[in-house]
C-alpha atoms as a PDB file:
ATOM      1  CA  MET A   1      -0.575 -28.395 -26.012  1.00  0.00           C
ATOM      2  CA  SER A   2      -0.058 -27.396 -29.610  1.00  0.00           C
ATOM      3  CA  ALA A   3       2.846 -25.380 -30.861  1.00  0.00           C
ATOM      4  CA  GLY A   4       0.907 -22.365 -31.372  1.00  0.00           C
ATOM      5  CA  ALA A   5      -0.346 -22.404 -27.790  1.00  0.00           C
ATOM      6  CA  VAL A   6       3.200 -22.751 -26.522  1.00  0.00           C
ATOM      7  CA  VAL A   7       4.347 -19.810 -28.597  1.00  0.00           C
ATOM      8  CA  MET A   8       1.525 -17.587 -27.341  1.00  0.00           C
ATOM      9  CA  LEU A   9       2.335 -18.715 -23.793  1.00  0.00           C
ATOM     10  CA  ILE A  10       5.921 -17.871 -24.144  1.00  0.00           C
ATOM     11  CA  VAL A  11       5.003 -14.384 -25.761  1.00  0.00           C
ATOM     12  CA  ALA A  12       2.565 -13.588 -22.887  1.00  0.00           C
ATOM     13  CA  VAL A  13       5.184 -14.462 -20.196  1.00  0.00           C
ATOM     14  CA  VAL A  14       7.913 -12.409 -21.907  1.00  0.00           C
ATOM     15  CA  ILE A  15       5.482  -9.529 -22.194  1.00  0.00           C
ATOM     16  CA  VAL A  16       4.431  -9.710 -18.491  1.00  0.00           C
ATOM     17  CA  TRP A  17       7.894 -10.246 -16.829  1.00  0.00           C
ATOM     18  CA  GLY A  18       9.589  -8.017 -19.390  1.00  0.00           C
ATOM     19  CA  GLY A  19       7.280  -5.122 -18.255  1.00  0.00           C
ATOM     20  CA  LEU A  20       7.893  -5.920 -14.663  1.00  0.00           C
ATOM     21  CA  VAL A  21      11.625  -5.982 -15.225  1.00  0.00           C
ATOM     22  CA  ALA A  22      11.500  -2.770 -17.161  1.00  0.00           C
ATOM     23  CA  SER A  23       9.393  -0.979 -14.540  1.00  0.00           C
ATOM     24  CA  VAL A  24      11.794  -2.102 -11.725  1.00  0.00           C
ATOM     25  CA  VAL A  25      14.751  -0.775 -13.754  1.00  0.00           C
ATOM     26  CA  HIS A  26      13.041   2.555 -14.378  1.00  0.00           C
ATOM     27  CA  LEU A  27      12.157   3.032 -10.699  1.00  0.00           C
ATOM     28  CA  ARG A  28      15.836   2.165  -9.637  1.00  0.00           C
ATOM     29  CA  ARG A  29      17.129   4.771 -12.035  1.00  0.00           C
ATOM     30  CA  HIS A  30      14.513   7.491 -11.391  1.00  0.00           C
ATOM     31  CA  PRO A  31      12.981   6.806  -7.875  1.00  0.00           C
ATOM     32  CA  ASP A  32       9.657   8.429  -7.078  1.00  0.00           C
ATOM     33  CA  VAL A  33      10.025  11.470  -5.051  1.00  0.00           C
ATOM     34  CA  GLY A  34       7.208  11.945  -2.536  1.00  0.00           C
ATOM     35  CA  PRO A  35       5.502  15.241  -1.685  1.00  0.00           C
ATOM     36  CA  PRO A  36       7.604  17.561   0.360  1.00  0.00           C
ATOM     37  CA  GLU A  37       6.862  17.389   3.996  1.00  0.00           C
ATOM     38  CA  ALA A  38       5.456  20.566   5.757  1.00  0.00           C
ATOM     39  CA  ASP A  39       6.873  21.096   9.088  1.00  0.00           C
END
């Protein structure tokens, strides 16, 4: 693999995993509240 391909691979992995980590952190700080239950 060329150096450019390795750089693009690293950038893509950082974007994907960084987005996953950011979404997990956001959901832990602001958990989704479901609809109120009607009894």
